[in-house]
C-alpha atoms as a PDB file:
ATOM      1  CA  MET A   1     134.588 164.210 154.174  1.00  0.00           C
ATOM      2  CA  ASN A   2     133.811 163.869 150.460  1.00  0.00           C
ATOM      3  CA  ILE A   3     135.990 165.067 147.588  1.00  0.00           C
ATOM      4  CA  VAL A   4     133.743 168.107 146.926  1.00  0.00           C
ATOM      5  CA  SER A   5     134.177 169.318 150.513  1.00  0.00           C
ATOM      6  CA  ILE A   6     137.927 168.833 150.331  1.00  0.00           C
ATOM      7  CA  ARG A   7     138.155 170.816 147.099  1.00  0.00           C
ATOM      8  CA  PHE A   8     136.039 173.588 148.645  1.00  0.00           C
ATOM      9  CA  LEU A   9     138.310 173.822 151.702  1.00  0.00           C
ATOM     10  CA  VAL A  10     141.422 173.856 149.529  1.00  0.00           C
ATOM     11  CA  SER A  11     139.900 176.659 147.443  1.00  0.00           C
ATOM     12  CA  LEU A  12     139.197 178.665 150.602  1.00  0.00           C
ATOM     13  CA  LEU A  13     142.756 178.095 151.828  1.00  0.00           C
ATOM     14  CA  LEU A  14     144.235 179.247 148.518  1.00  0.00           C
ATOM     15  CA  LEU A  15     141.962 182.304 148.552  1.00  0.00           C
ATOM     16  CA  TRP A  16     143.106 183.144 152.103  1.00  0.00           C
ATOM     17  CA  ILE A  17     146.742 182.784 151.102  1.00  0.00           C
ATOM     18  CA  SER A  18     146.305 185.052 148.074  1.00  0.00           C
ATOM     19  CA  VAL A  19     144.488 187.689 150.128  1.00  0.00           C
ATOM     20  CA  ALA A  20     147.091 187.587 152.894  1.00  0.00           C
ATOM     21  CA  ASP A  21     149.827 187.912 150.264  1.00  0.00           C
ATOM     22  CA  VAL A  22     148.539 191.370 149.383  1.00  0.00           C
ATOM     23  CA  TYR A  23     150.053 192.666 152.610  1.00  0.00           C
ATOM     24  CA  SER A  24     152.901 190.203 153.248  1.00  0.00           C
ATOM     25  CA  ASP A  25     154.613 189.886 149.871  1.00  0.00           C
ATOM     26  CA  GLU A  26     158.271 189.300 150.647  1.00  0.00           C
ATOM     27  CA  GLY A  27     159.470 191.358 147.693  1.00  0.00           C
ATOM     28  CA  HIS A  28     157.382 194.291 148.836  1.00  0.00           C
ATOM     29  CA  LEU A  29     158.670 194.021 152.413  1.00  0.00           C
ATOM     30  CA  MET A  30     162.235 193.926 151.141  1.00  0.00           C
ATOM     31  CA  SER A  31     161.648 197.264 149.401  1.00  0.00           C
ATOM     32  CA  CYS A  32     160.196 198.700 152.627  1.00  0.00           C
ATOM     33  CA  ARG A  33     163.298 198.235 154.853  1.00  0.00           C
ATOM     34  CA  SER A  34     161.084 198.063 157.945  1.00  0.00           C
ATOM     35  CA  PHE A  35     161.635 194.394 158.766  1.00  0.00           C
ATOM     36  CA  TYR A  36     164.746 193.416 156.835  1.00  0.00           C
ATOM     37  CA  GLY A  37     166.794 196.639 156.805  1.00  0.00           C
ATOM     38  CA  ARG A  38     168.597 198.539 159.553  1.00  0.00           C
ATOM     39  CA  LEU A  39     167.103 201.917 160.334  1.00  0.00           C
ATOM     40  CA  ASP A  40     170.543 203.138 161.364  1.00  0.00           C
ATOM     41  CA  ASP A  41     171.517 202.916 157.697  1.00  0.00           C
ATOM     42  CA  LEU A  42     168.971 205.604 156.770  1.00  0.00           C
ATOM     43  CA  LYS A  43     170.345 209.107 156.320  1.00  0.00           C
ATOM     44  CA  LEU A  44     167.793 210.480 158.762  1.00  0.00           C
ATOM     45  CA  GLN A  45     168.077 213.251 161.340  1.00  0.00           C
ATOM     46  CA  LYS A  46     168.378 211.589 164.748  1.00  0.00           C
ATOM     47  CA  PRO A  47     167.195 212.518 167.236  1.00  0.00           C
ATOM     48  CA  PRO A  48     164.302 214.576 165.810  1.00  0.00           C
ATOM     49  CA  ARG A  49     164.535 218.193 166.939  1.00  0.00           C
ATOM     50  CA  ARG A  50     161.486 219.706 165.254  1.00  0.00           C
ATOM     51  CA  VAL A  51     158.231 217.806 164.664  1.00  0.00           C
ATOM     52  CA  LEU A  52     155.063 218.832 162.824  1.00  0.00           C
ATOM     53  CA  LEU A  53     151.831 216.920 163.527  1.00  0.00           C
ATOM     54  CA  ILE A  54     148.935 217.247 161.062  1.00  0.00           C
ATOM     55  CA  PRO A  55     145.687 215.577 162.197  1.00  0.00           C
ATOM     56  CA  LEU A  56     143.177 215.672 159.330  1.00  0.00           C
ATOM     57  CA  LEU A  57     139.499 215.914 160.294  1.00  0.00           C
ATOM     58  CA  SER A  58     136.581 214.361 158.417  1.00  0.00           C
ATOM     59  CA  ARG A  59     132.975 213.439 159.086  1.00  0.00           C
ATOM     60  CA  GLU A  60     132.327 209.854 158.054  1.00  0.00           C
ATOM     61  CA  PRO A  61     128.688 209.157 157.113  1.00  0.00           C
ATOM     62  CA  HIS A  62     126.778 206.371 158.867  1.00  0.00           C
ATOM     63  CA  THR A  63     129.227 206.157 161.764  1.00  0.00           C
ATOM     64  CA  THR A  64     129.422 207.378 165.351  1.00  0.00           C
ATOM     65  CA  GLU A  65     133.146 208.044 165.047  1.00  0.00           C
ATOM     66  CA  SER A  66     134.205 211.505 166.156  1.00  0.00           C
ATOM     67  CA  PRO A  67     135.402 213.627 163.214  1.00  0.00           C
ATOM     68  CA  ARG A  68     138.233 214.749 165.510  1.00  0.00           C
ATOM     69  CA  TRP A  69     139.492 211.228 166.271  1.00  0.00           C
ATOM     70  CA  SER A  70     142.923 211.999 164.766  1.00  0.00           C
ATOM     71  CA  GLU A  71     143.616 214.669 167.402  1.00  0.00           C
ATOM     72  CA  GLN A  72     144.002 212.090 170.195  1.00  0.00           C
ATOM     73  CA  PRO A  73     146.922 210.170 168.600  1.00  0.00           C
ATOM     74  CA  ALA A  74     148.423 213.567 167.731  1.00  0.00           C
ATOM     75  CA  ARG A  75     148.365 214.554 171.410  1.00  0.00           C
ATOM     76  CA  THR A  76     149.921 211.224 172.387  1.00  0.00           C
ATOM     77  CA  LEU A  77     152.718 211.651 169.848  1.00  0.00           C
ATOM     78  CA  GLU A  78     153.291 215.246 170.913  1.00  0.00           C
ATOM     79  CA  ALA A  79     153.913 214.054 174.475  1.00  0.00           C
ATOM     80  CA  PHE A  80     156.180 211.250 173.200  1.00  0.00           C
ATOM     81  CA  TYR A  81     158.426 213.559 171.165  1.00  0.00           C
ATOM     82  CA  ARG A  82     158.637 216.154 173.915  1.00  0.00           C
ATOM     83  CA  ASN A  83     159.416 213.657 176.667  1.00  0.00           C
ATOM     84  CA  ARG A  84     161.665 211.267 174.718  1.00  0.00           C
ATOM     85  CA  PHE A  85     163.654 213.716 172.590  1.00  0.00           C
ATOM     86  CA  ASN A  86     162.915 217.122 174.103  1.00  0.00           C
ATOM     87  CA  ALA A  87     161.761 218.067 170.598  1.00  0.00           C
ATOM     88  CA  SER A  88     159.928 221.218 169.610  1.00  0.00           C
ATOM     89  CA  VAL A  89     156.462 220.057 168.467  1.00  0.00           C
ATOM     90  CA  THR A  90     153.994 222.037 166.345  1.00  0.00           C
ATOM     91  CA  GLN A  91     150.462 220.888 165.574  1.00  0.00           C
ATOM     92  CA  LEU A  92     148.087 222.158 162.899  1.00  0.00           C
ATOM     93  CA  HIS A  93     144.410 222.488 163.824  1.00  0.00           C
ATOM     94  CA  ASP A  94     140.969 222.362 162.180  1.00  0.00           C
ATOM     95  CA  ILE A  95     141.962 220.942 158.794  1.00  0.00           C
ATOM     96  CA  TRP A  96     138.675 219.814 157.247  1.00  0.00           C
ATOM     97  CA  SER A  97     139.634 220.152 153.577  1.00  0.00           C
ATOM     98  CA  TRP A  98     142.746 220.312 151.408  1.00  0.00           C
ATOM     99  CA  THR A  99     142.119 224.048 151.035  1.00  0.00           C
ATOM    100  CA  ASP A 100     142.472 224.331 154.822  1.00  0.00           C
ATOM    101  CA  TYR A 101     145.680 222.293 154.625  1.00  0.00           C
ATOM    102  CA  TYR A 102     147.306 224.443 151.938  1.00  0.00           C
ATOM    103  CA  GLN A 103     146.372 227.683 153.695  1.00  0.00           C
ATOM    104  CA  GLN A 104     147.940 226.574 156.969  1.00  0.00           C
ATOM    105  CA  VAL A 105     151.001 225.081 155.286  1.00  0.00           C
ATOM    106  CA  GLU A 106     151.638 228.337 153.408  1.00  0.00           C
ATOM    107  CA  GLN A 107     151.571 230.252 156.677  1.00  0.00           C
ATOM    108  CA  ILE A 108     153.836 227.852 158.549  1.00  0.00           C
ATOM    109  CA  VAL A 109     156.389 227.716 155.710  1.00  0.00           C
ATOM    110  CA  GLN A 110     156.649 231.508 155.826  1.00  0.00           C
ATOM    111  CA  GLN A 111     156.956 231.619 159.599  1.00  0.00           C
ATOM    112  CA  SER A 112     159.026 228.531 160.437  1.00  0.00           C
ATOM    113  CA  HIS A 113     162.051 226.474 159.441  1.00  0.00           C
ATOM    114  CA  PRO A 114     161.515 222.970 157.952  1.00  0.00           C
ATOM    115  CA  PHE A 115     160.819 220.056 160.285  1.00  0.00           C
ATOM    116  CA  ASP A 116     162.678 216.804 160.901  1.00  0.00           C
ATOM    117  CA  ARG A 117     159.385 214.896 161.075  1.00  0.00           C
ATOM    118  CA  VAL A 118     156.069 215.650 159.378  1.00  0.00           C
ATOM    119  CA  ILE A 119     153.340 213.236 160.475  1.00  0.00           C
ATOM    120  CA  LEU A 120     149.881 213.243 158.888  1.00  0.00           C
ATOM    121  CA  ILE A 121     147.147 211.356 160.770  1.00  0.00           C
ATOM    122  CA  SER A 122     143.956 210.585 158.887  1.00  0.00           C
ATOM    123  CA  HIS A 123     141.762 208.099 157.124  1.00  0.00           C
ATOM    124  CA  GLY A 124     143.532 206.797 154.049  1.00  0.00           C
ATOM    125  CA  GLY A 125     143.846 204.299 151.258  1.00  0.00           C
ATOM    126  CA  PHE A 126     146.239 202.963 148.662  1.00  0.00           C
ATOM    127  CA  ASP A 127     146.346 206.449 147.082  1.00  0.00           C
ATOM    128  CA  GLY A 128     147.073 208.421 150.226  1.00  0.00           C
ATOM    129  CA  PRO A 129     145.326 210.416 152.964  1.00  0.00           C
ATOM    130  CA  VAL A 130     141.582 211.041 152.664  1.00  0.00           C
ATOM    131  CA  LEU A 131     139.470 214.064 153.591  1.00  0.00           C
ATOM    132  CA  THR A 132     135.816 214.736 152.847  1.00  0.00           C
ATOM    133  CA  ASN A 133     135.449 215.409 149.126  1.00  0.00           C
ATOM    134  CA  ALA A 134     135.393 219.216 148.734  1.00  0.00           C
ATOM    135  CA  ALA A 135     135.260 221.512 145.707  1.00  0.00           C
ATOM    136  CA  PHE A 136     138.305 223.562 144.707  1.00  0.00           C
ATOM    137  CA  TRP A 137     137.072 224.949 141.336  1.00  0.00           C
ATOM    138  CA  GLN A 138     133.728 225.545 139.601  1.00  0.00           C
ATOM    139  CA  ASP A 139     132.368 227.297 136.524  1.00  0.00           C
ATOM    140  CA  PHE A 140     129.116 228.196 134.727  1.00  0.00           C
ATOM    141  CA  GLN A 141     129.069 227.819 130.962  1.00  0.00           C
ATOM    142  CA  VAL A 142     126.092 229.240 129.020  1.00  0.00           C
ATOM    143  CA  THR A 143     125.560 228.709 125.287  1.00  0.00           C
ATOM    144  CA  GLY A 144     122.135 229.927 124.175  1.00  0.00           C
ATOM    145  CA  ASN A 145     119.589 227.978 126.246  1.00  0.00           C
ATOM    146  CA  ASN A 146     122.138 225.323 127.232  1.00  0.00           C
ATOM    147  CA  VAL A 147     123.772 225.617 130.656  1.00  0.00           C
ATOM    148  CA  LYS A 148     126.648 223.488 131.928  1.00  0.00           C
ATOM    149  CA  LEU A 149     127.793 223.588 135.544  1.00  0.00           C
ATOM    150  CA  LEU A 150     131.293 222.218 136.145  1.00  0.00           C
ATOM    151  CA  GLN A 151     132.849 221.458 139.493  1.00  0.00           C
ATOM    152  CA  PHE A 152     136.233 219.936 140.399  1.00  0.00           C
ATOM    153  CA  SER A 153     136.736 218.477 143.861  1.00  0.00           C
ATOM    154  CA  GLU A 154     139.141 216.166 145.677  1.00  0.00           C
ATOM    155  CA  SER A 155     139.277 213.956 148.707  1.00  0.00           C
ATOM    156  CA  GLN A 156     142.815 212.678 147.991  1.00  0.00           C
ATOM    157  CA  PRO A 157     145.479 214.965 146.488  1.00  0.00           C
ATOM    158  CA  GLY A 158     145.936 214.189 142.818  1.00  0.00           C
ATOM    159  CA  LEU A 159     142.579 212.469 142.265  1.00  0.00           C
ATOM    160  CA  LYS A 160     140.253 215.013 140.649  1.00  0.00           C
ATOM    161  CA  HIS A 161     136.520 214.382 140.878  1.00  0.00           C
ATOM    162  CA  GLU A 162     134.628 216.073 138.049  1.00  0.00           C
ATOM    163  CA  LEU A 163     130.913 216.843 138.320  1.00  0.00           C
ATOM    164  CA  SER A 164     128.937 218.248 135.394  1.00  0.00           C
ATOM    165  CA  ILE A 165     125.259 219.212 135.326  1.00  0.00           C
ATOM    166  CA  THR A 166     123.660 220.259 132.035  1.00  0.00           C
ATOM    167  CA  TYR A 167     120.136 221.535 131.390  1.00  0.00           C
ATOM    168  CA  ASP A 168     118.063 223.538 128.905  1.00  0.00           C
ATOM    169  CA  THR A 169     116.671 226.796 130.318  1.00  0.00           C
ATOM    170  CA  GLY A 170     113.826 226.626 127.812  1.00  0.00           C
ATOM    171  CA  LYS A 171     112.405 223.407 129.259  1.00  0.00           C
ATOM    172  CA  ASN A 172     111.262 224.666 132.654  1.00  0.00           C
ATOM    173  CA  ARG A 173     111.864 228.152 134.029  1.00  0.00           C
ATOM    174  CA  ILE A 174     111.164 227.159 137.627  1.00  0.00           C
ATOM    175  CA  PHE A 175     113.848 224.462 137.479  1.00  0.00           C
ATOM    176  CA  SER A 176     116.367 226.809 135.840  1.00  0.00           C
ATOM    177  CA  ASP A 177     115.794 229.541 138.436  1.00  0.00           C
ATOM    178  CA  TYR A 178     116.065 227.001 141.247  1.00  0.00           C
ATOM    179  CA  VAL A 179     119.471 225.747 140.082  1.00  0.00           C
ATOM    180  CA  VAL A 180     120.852 229.282 139.637  1.00  0.00           C
ATOM    181  CA  THR A 181     119.662 230.562 143.025  1.00  0.00           C
ATOM    182  CA  ARG A 182     120.490 227.361 144.950  1.00  0.00           C
ATOM    183  CA  TRP A 183     123.817 226.549 143.303  1.00  0.00           C
ATOM    184  CA  PRO A 184     125.991 227.771 146.225  1.00  0.00           C
ATOM    185  CA  GLU A 185     124.012 225.440 148.506  1.00  0.00           C
ATOM    186  CA  LEU A 186     124.055 222.574 146.013  1.00  0.00           C
ATOM    187  CA  ALA A 187     127.780 222.939 145.325  1.00  0.00           C
ATOM    188  CA  SER A 188     128.586 222.194 148.971  1.00  0.00           C
ATOM    189  CA  LYS A 189     126.848 218.802 148.794  1.00  0.00           C
ATOM    190  CA  GLN A 190     128.111 215.437 147.613  1.00  0.00           C
ATOM    191  CA  PRO A 191     127.194 214.496 143.998  1.00  0.00           C
ATOM    192  CA  THR A 192     124.674 211.839 145.070  1.00  0.00           C
ATOM    193  CA  ASP A 193     122.908 214.350 147.335  1.00  0.00           C
ATOM    194  CA  ILE A 194     122.779 216.911 144.499  1.00  0.00           C
ATOM    195  CA  TRP A 195     121.283 214.299 142.179  1.00  0.00           C
ATOM    196  CA  HIS A 196     118.588 213.307 144.692  1.00  0.00           C
ATOM    197  CA  GLN A 197     117.678 216.934 145.421  1.00  0.00           C
ATOM    198  CA  LEU A 198     117.328 217.869 141.751  1.00  0.00           C
ATOM    199  CA  LYS A 199     115.450 214.646 140.965  1.00  0.00           C
ATOM    200  CA  GLY A 200     113.037 215.455 143.787  1.00  0.00           C
ATOM    201  CA  LEU A 201     112.356 218.857 142.228  1.00  0.00           C
ATOM    202  CA  GLU A 202     112.030 217.286 138.784  1.00  0.00           C
ATOM    203  CA  LYS A 203     109.413 214.884 140.178  1.00  0.00           C
ATOM    204  CA  GLN A 204     107.365 217.853 141.401  1.00  0.00           C
ATOM    205  CA  LEU A 205     107.606 219.759 138.127  1.00  0.00           C
ATOM    206  CA  GLN A 206     107.431 217.120 135.406  1.00  0.00           C
ATOM    207  CA  PRO A 207     104.229 215.144 134.730  1.00  0.00           C
ATOM    208  CA  LEU A 208     104.381 211.376 134.827  1.00  0.00           C
ATOM    209  CA  ASP A 209     104.019 209.650 131.465  1.00  0.00           C
ATOM    210  CA  GLN A 210     101.045 207.443 132.325  1.00  0.00           C
ATOM    211  CA  ALA A 211     101.444 205.212 129.274  1.00  0.00           C
ATOM    212  CA  CYS A 212     105.043 204.487 130.247  1.00  0.00           C
ATOM    213  CA  PHE A 213     104.080 203.942 133.877  1.00  0.00           C
ATOM    214  CA  GLN A 214     101.298 201.497 133.029  1.00  0.00           C
ATOM    215  CA  ARG A 215     103.593 199.650 130.648  1.00  0.00           C
ATOM    216  CA  TYR A 216     106.185 198.927 133.329  1.00  0.00           C
ATOM    217  CA  CYS A 217     104.514 199.410 136.707  1.00  0.00           C
ATOM    218  CA  SER A 218     100.841 198.550 136.357  1.00  0.00           C
ATOM    219  CA  PRO A 219      99.398 196.332 139.109  1.00  0.00           C
ATOM    220  CA  ASP A 220      99.721 193.334 136.797  1.00  0.00           C
ATOM    221  CA  ARG A 221     103.377 194.111 136.134  1.00  0.00           C
ATOM    222  CA  LEU A 222     104.122 194.628 139.814  1.00  0.00           C
ATOM    223  CA  ALA A 223     102.503 191.300 140.639  1.00  0.00           C
ATOM    224  CA  THR A 224     105.206 189.532 138.606  1.00  0.00           C
ATOM    225  CA  SER A 225     107.977 191.027 140.787  1.00  0.00           C
ATOM    226  CA  PRO A 226     109.012 189.654 144.184  1.00  0.00           C
ATOM    227  CA  GLU A 227     107.366 191.645 146.951  1.00  0.00           C
ATOM    228  CA  GLU A 228     110.665 192.984 148.299  1.00  0.00           C
ATOM    229  CA  GLN A 229     111.508 194.442 144.861  1.00  0.00           C
ATOM    230  CA  ARG A 230     108.211 196.215 144.154  1.00  0.00           C
ATOM    231  CA  GLY A 231     109.136 199.434 145.953  1.00  0.00           C
ATOM    232  CA  TYR A 232     112.377 199.640 144.006  1.00  0.00           C
ATOM    233  CA  ARG A 233     110.514 199.004 140.734  1.00  0.00           C
ATOM    234  CA  LEU A 234     108.015 201.779 141.497  1.00  0.00           C
ATOM    235  CA  ASP A 235     110.839 204.231 142.221  1.00  0.00           C
ATOM    236  CA  LEU A 236     112.518 203.238 138.969  1.00  0.00           C
ATOM    237  CA  CYS A 237     109.304 203.820 136.987  1.00  0.00           C
ATOM    238  CA  GLU A 238     108.862 207.216 138.649  1.00  0.00           C
ATOM    239  CA  LEU A 239     112.356 208.055 137.458  1.00  0.00           C
ATOM    240  CA  VAL A 240     112.195 206.656 133.928  1.00  0.00           C
ATOM    241  CA  CYS A 241     108.651 207.724 133.022  1.00  0.00           C
ATOM    242  CA  ARG A 242     109.309 211.474 133.236  1.00  0.00           C
ATOM    243  CA  GLU A 243     110.925 213.821 130.750  1.00  0.00           C
ATOM    244  CA  PRO A 244     114.284 214.628 132.418  1.00  0.00           C
ATOM    245  CA  LEU A 245     115.116 218.269 133.098  1.00  0.00           C
ATOM    246  CA  PHE A 246     118.863 217.769 133.564  1.00  0.00           C
ATOM    247  CA  ALA A 247     121.766 215.370 133.047  1.00  0.00           C
ATOM    248  CA  GLN A 248     124.443 214.774 135.670  1.00  0.00           C
ATOM    249  CA  LYS A 249     127.788 213.067 135.111  1.00  0.00           C
ATOM    250  CA  THR A 250     130.644 212.283 137.469  1.00  0.00           C
ATOM    251  CA  SER A 251     134.150 211.007 136.826  1.00  0.00           C
ATOM    252  CA  VAL A 252     137.525 210.654 138.530  1.00  0.00           C
ATOM    253  CA  GLU A 253     140.888 211.215 136.885  1.00  0.00           C
ATOM    254  CA  ILE A 254     144.479 211.932 137.834  1.00  0.00           C
ATOM    255  CA  SER A 255     145.458 215.570 138.166  1.00  0.00           C
ATOM    256  CA  THR A 256     149.243 215.818 137.974  1.00  0.00           C
ATOM    257  CA  GLU A 257     149.019 219.506 138.882  1.00  0.00           C
ATOM    258  CA  ARG A 258     147.135 218.811 142.127  1.00  0.00           C
ATOM    259  CA  PHE A 259     149.362 215.872 143.066  1.00  0.00           C
ATOM    260  CA  PHE A 260     152.594 217.799 142.573  1.00  0.00           C
ATOM    261  CA  HIS A 261     151.074 220.747 144.429  1.00  0.00           C
ATOM    262  CA  PHE A 262     150.663 218.413 147.402  1.00  0.00           C
ATOM    263  CA  THR A 263     154.119 216.823 147.201  1.00  0.00           C
ATOM    264  CA  LYS A 264     155.704 220.269 146.806  1.00  0.00           C
ATOM    265  CA  SER A 265     154.016 221.326 150.031  1.00  0.00           C
ATOM    266  CA  LEU A 266     155.443 218.268 151.799  1.00  0.00           C
ATOM    267  CA  SER A 267     158.939 218.984 150.480  1.00  0.00           C
ATOM    268  CA  SER A 268     158.711 222.553 151.770  1.00  0.00           C
ATOM    269  CA  LEU A 269     157.824 221.286 155.252  1.00  0.00           C
ATOM    270  CA  VAL A 270     160.506 218.594 155.661  1.00  0.00           C
ATOM    271  CA  THR A 271     164.278 218.906 155.905  1.00  0.00           C
ATOM    272  CA  ALA A 272     166.373 217.041 153.331  1.00  0.00           C
ATOM    273  CA  ASP A 273     167.232 214.429 155.997  1.00  0.00           C
ATOM    274  CA  GLY A 274     163.747 214.407 157.505  1.00  0.00           C
ATOM    275  CA  LEU A 275     160.826 211.979 157.435  1.00  0.00           C
ATOM    276  CA  ILE A 276     157.305 212.133 155.986  1.00  0.00           C
ATOM    277  CA  PHE A 277     155.004 209.751 157.863  1.00  0.00           C
ATOM    278  CA  PHE A 278     151.466 208.921 156.727  1.00  0.00           C
ATOM    279  CA  GLY A 279     149.508 207.659 159.730  1.00  0.00           C
ATOM    280  CA  ALA A 280     146.571 206.046 157.942  1.00  0.00           C
ATOM    281  CA  CYS A 281     145.371 202.776 156.426  1.00  0.00           C
ATOM    282  CA  ASN A 282     147.401 201.293 153.551  1.00  0.00           C
ATOM    283  CA  PRO A 283     149.895 203.984 152.447  1.00  0.00           C
ATOM    284  CA  GLY A 284     152.599 201.331 152.734  1.00  0.00           C
ATOM    285  CA  SER A 285     150.527 198.493 151.273  1.00  0.00           C
ATOM    286  CA  ALA A 286     151.231 197.014 147.883  1.00  0.00           C
ATOM    287  CA  ALA A 287     148.223 197.480 145.611  1.00  0.00           C
ATOM    288  CA  PRO A 288     146.232 194.224 145.421  1.00  0.00           C
ATOM    289  CA  VAL A 289     146.632 192.384 142.141  1.00  0.00           C
ATOM    290  CA  LYS A 290     143.225 192.243 140.469  1.00  0.00           C
ATOM    291  CA  THR A 291     142.477 188.842 138.990  1.00  0.00           C
ATOM    292  CA  VAL A 292     139.351 190.160 137.261  1.00  0.00           C
ATOM    293  CA  GLU A 293     139.275 193.485 135.407  1.00  0.00           C
ATOM    294  CA  PRO A 294     137.159 195.803 137.613  1.00  0.00           C
ATOM    295  CA  GLU A 295     134.781 198.533 136.627  1.00  0.00           C
ATOM    296  CA  PRO A 296     136.662 201.829 136.206  1.00  0.00           C
ATOM    297  CA  ASP A 297     136.953 203.627 139.533  1.00  0.00           C
ATOM    298  CA  GLU A 298     139.400 205.741 141.469  1.00  0.00           C
ATOM    299  CA  THR A 299     141.010 202.905 143.468  1.00  0.00           C
ATOM    300  CA  GLU A 300     144.822 202.882 143.179  1.00  0.00           C
ATOM    301  CA  LEU A 301     144.808 205.289 140.249  1.00  0.00           C
ATOM    302  CA  LEU A 302     147.929 207.103 141.422  1.00  0.00           C
ATOM    303  CA  ILE A 303     150.277 204.268 142.340  1.00  0.00           C
ATOM    304  CA  ASN A 304     149.306 202.176 139.318  1.00  0.00           C
ATOM    305  CA  SER A 305     149.767 205.061 136.876  1.00  0.00           C
ATOM    306  CA  THR A 306     152.839 206.382 135.068  1.00  0.00           C
ATOM    307  CA  LEU A 307     152.808 209.439 137.331  1.00  0.00           C
ATOM    308  CA  ALA A 308     156.374 210.465 138.248  1.00  0.00           C
ATOM    309  CA  GLY A 309     157.824 207.477 136.391  1.00  0.00           C
ATOM    310  CA  GLY A 310     155.449 204.941 137.946  1.00  0.00           C
ATOM    311  CA  PRO A 311     153.848 202.602 138.611  1.00  0.00           C
ATOM    312  CA  TYR A 312     155.104 202.289 142.187  1.00  0.00           C
ATOM    313  CA  LYS A 313     154.850 199.507 144.752  1.00  0.00           C
ATOM    314  CA  SER A 314     152.930 201.687 147.219  1.00  0.00           C
ATOM    315  CA  TYR A 315     151.966 205.270 147.993  1.00  0.00           C
ATOM    316  CA  VAL A 316     154.999 205.807 150.243  1.00  0.00           C
ATOM    317  CA  HIS A 317     157.245 204.661 147.372  1.00  0.00           C
ATOM    318  CA  LEU A 318     155.605 207.223 145.094  1.00  0.00           C
ATOM    319  CA  VAL A 319     155.827 210.137 147.552  1.00  0.00           C
ATOM    320  CA  SER A 320     159.416 209.338 148.490  1.00  0.00           C
ATOM    321  CA  ALA A 321     160.461 209.310 144.825  1.00  0.00           C
ATOM    322  CA  VAL A 322     158.786 212.661 144.124  1.00  0.00           C
ATOM    323  CA  THR A 323     159.817 214.530 147.292  1.00  0.00           C
ATOM    324  CA  GLY A 324     163.299 213.057 147.664  1.00  0.00           C
ATOM    325  CA  ARG A 325     162.514 212.397 151.338  1.00  0.00           C
ATOM    326  CA  ILE A 326     162.397 209.248 153.437  1.00  0.00           C
ATOM    327  CA  THR A 327     158.713 208.327 153.643  1.00  0.00           C
ATOM    328  CA  ALA A 328     156.893 205.793 155.810  1.00  0.00           C
ATOM    329  CA  GLY A 329     153.390 204.477 156.410  1.00  0.00           C
ATOM    330  CA  PRO A 330     151.559 201.414 157.746  1.00  0.00           C
ATOM    331  CA  ILE A 331     150.940 198.272 155.744  1.00  0.00           C
ATOM    332  CA  GLY A 332     147.288 197.230 155.974  1.00  0.00           C
ATOM    333  CA  ASN A 333     144.557 198.699 158.153  1.00  0.00           C
ATOM    334  CA  SER A 334     145.583 200.868 161.090  1.00  0.00           C
ATOM    335  CA  SER A 335     143.725 202.141 164.124  1.00  0.00           C
ATOM    336  CA  ALA A 336     144.668 205.302 166.008  1.00  0.00           C
ATOM    337  CA  GLU A 337     146.550 203.125 168.505  1.00  0.00           C
ATOM    338  CA  ASP A 338     148.354 201.316 165.679  1.00  0.00           C
ATOM    339  CA  ILE A 339     149.528 204.630 164.204  1.00  0.00           C
ATOM    340  CA  VAL A 340     150.992 205.722 167.540  1.00  0.00           C
ATOM    341  CA  ASN A 341     152.735 202.361 167.988  1.00  0.00           C
ATOM    342  CA  ARG A 342     154.184 202.443 164.452  1.00  0.00           C
ATOM    343  CA  VAL A 343     155.737 205.866 165.068  1.00  0.00           C
ATOM    344  CA  ILE A 344     157.128 204.984 168.500  1.00  0.00           C
ATOM    345  CA  MET A 345     158.621 201.697 167.278  1.00  0.00           C
ATOM    346  CA  PHE A 346     160.196 203.549 164.344  1.00  0.00           C
ATOM    347  CA  GLU A 347     161.751 206.232 166.539  1.00  0.00           C
ATOM    348  CA  THR A 348     163.082 203.653 168.997  1.00  0.00           C
ATOM    349  CA  ASN A 349     164.723 201.702 166.150  1.00  0.00           C
ATOM    350  CA  ARG A 350     162.628 198.562 166.602  1.00  0.00           C
ATOM    351  CA  PRO A 351     161.937 196.418 163.504  1.00  0.00           C
ATOM    352  CA  GLN A 352     158.299 195.942 162.570  1.00  0.00           C
ATOM    353  CA  ARG A 353     156.610 194.042 159.795  1.00  0.00           C
ATOM    354  CA  ASN A 354     153.600 196.320 159.316  1.00  0.00           C
ATOM    355  CA  LEU A 355     155.429 199.539 158.448  1.00  0.00           C
ATOM    356  CA  CYS A 356     156.848 200.416 155.049  1.00  0.00           C
ATOM    357  CA  ILE A 357     159.868 202.748 155.083  1.00  0.00           C
ATOM    358  CA  VAL A 358     161.208 203.952 151.757  1.00  0.00           C
ATOM    359  CA  ALA A 359     164.341 205.923 150.919  1.00  0.00           C
ATOM    360  CA  PRO A 360     164.173 208.166 147.820  1.00  0.00           C
ATOM    361  CA  ALA A 361     166.154 205.864 145.543  1.00  0.00           C
ATOM    362  CA  ALA A 362     163.669 202.974 145.892  1.00  0.00           C
ATOM    363  CA  LYS A 363     160.893 202.443 143.310  1.00  0.00           C
END
């Protein structure tokens, strides 16, 4: 084996070690108490008498996964708590959006006492549980011929997605009427789908600038592009060589109001000596350290921010600090079976390396 091959293998080994360290950092595990601490030391209601299960439902594009997959682990855990602890178990149903969640939580808080365990089962990430991005506020702003449509939506509590669409009513009446009459339908779609639908209409209404098209997409120009890229280049010319009828912008930012609205709801559901458990991927994971500055996006915005005195080691650290409740969640990716096993091992006081458990004082 030559020296180049050896260096390549060493580089791969170092890369593997650094990637693995994202989820196995000893300092992070020490703060999680799951492997090194004794669960008996936690000031937690044992055995659990009242349990609330919250399976969150979402349709994932380009997958055959059932949108109701989270209901199966919820049923398994319901049987576990009833049989093991003779606990009273309540389960929420048909939560497709955070609006659904808040409506059901408001009702249950009015009708029931707090619970010893609140367990959310869902898709997730470093910034908490994930539902399909859905609008919670929108507005029309008209100034002369200029119209601005604003919409706020969220898929994770505390991360506000902002969509704005601006257009001039004087440019094309058919386009303006279409947006006004179809806005309720458009508003229910994802931003990329809205963009494609409006661009399709724009293509029908706006003439192609032939000079522009010939400059960039004439047969001679196309011949200089690899064959597999010619279709993409044609689509790009169709897009660029038309007078646009609208502008669309999207952004993601932290909404302290929405985040604290969520954590307040959790606090209202859980007893002071109860547990909040996030059954999802990565709520207990330490945020990966980025060696290269990434493009701005919504990844790890919450736990890396100064929200609630942050940054925090993980999402469960953040939620525990804000709610004043013991909070737990898996480290790394988790299947439905993994989530069930994490909960059962926790309740039977068995140490586990892939669960982060945080008491309120930890940061």
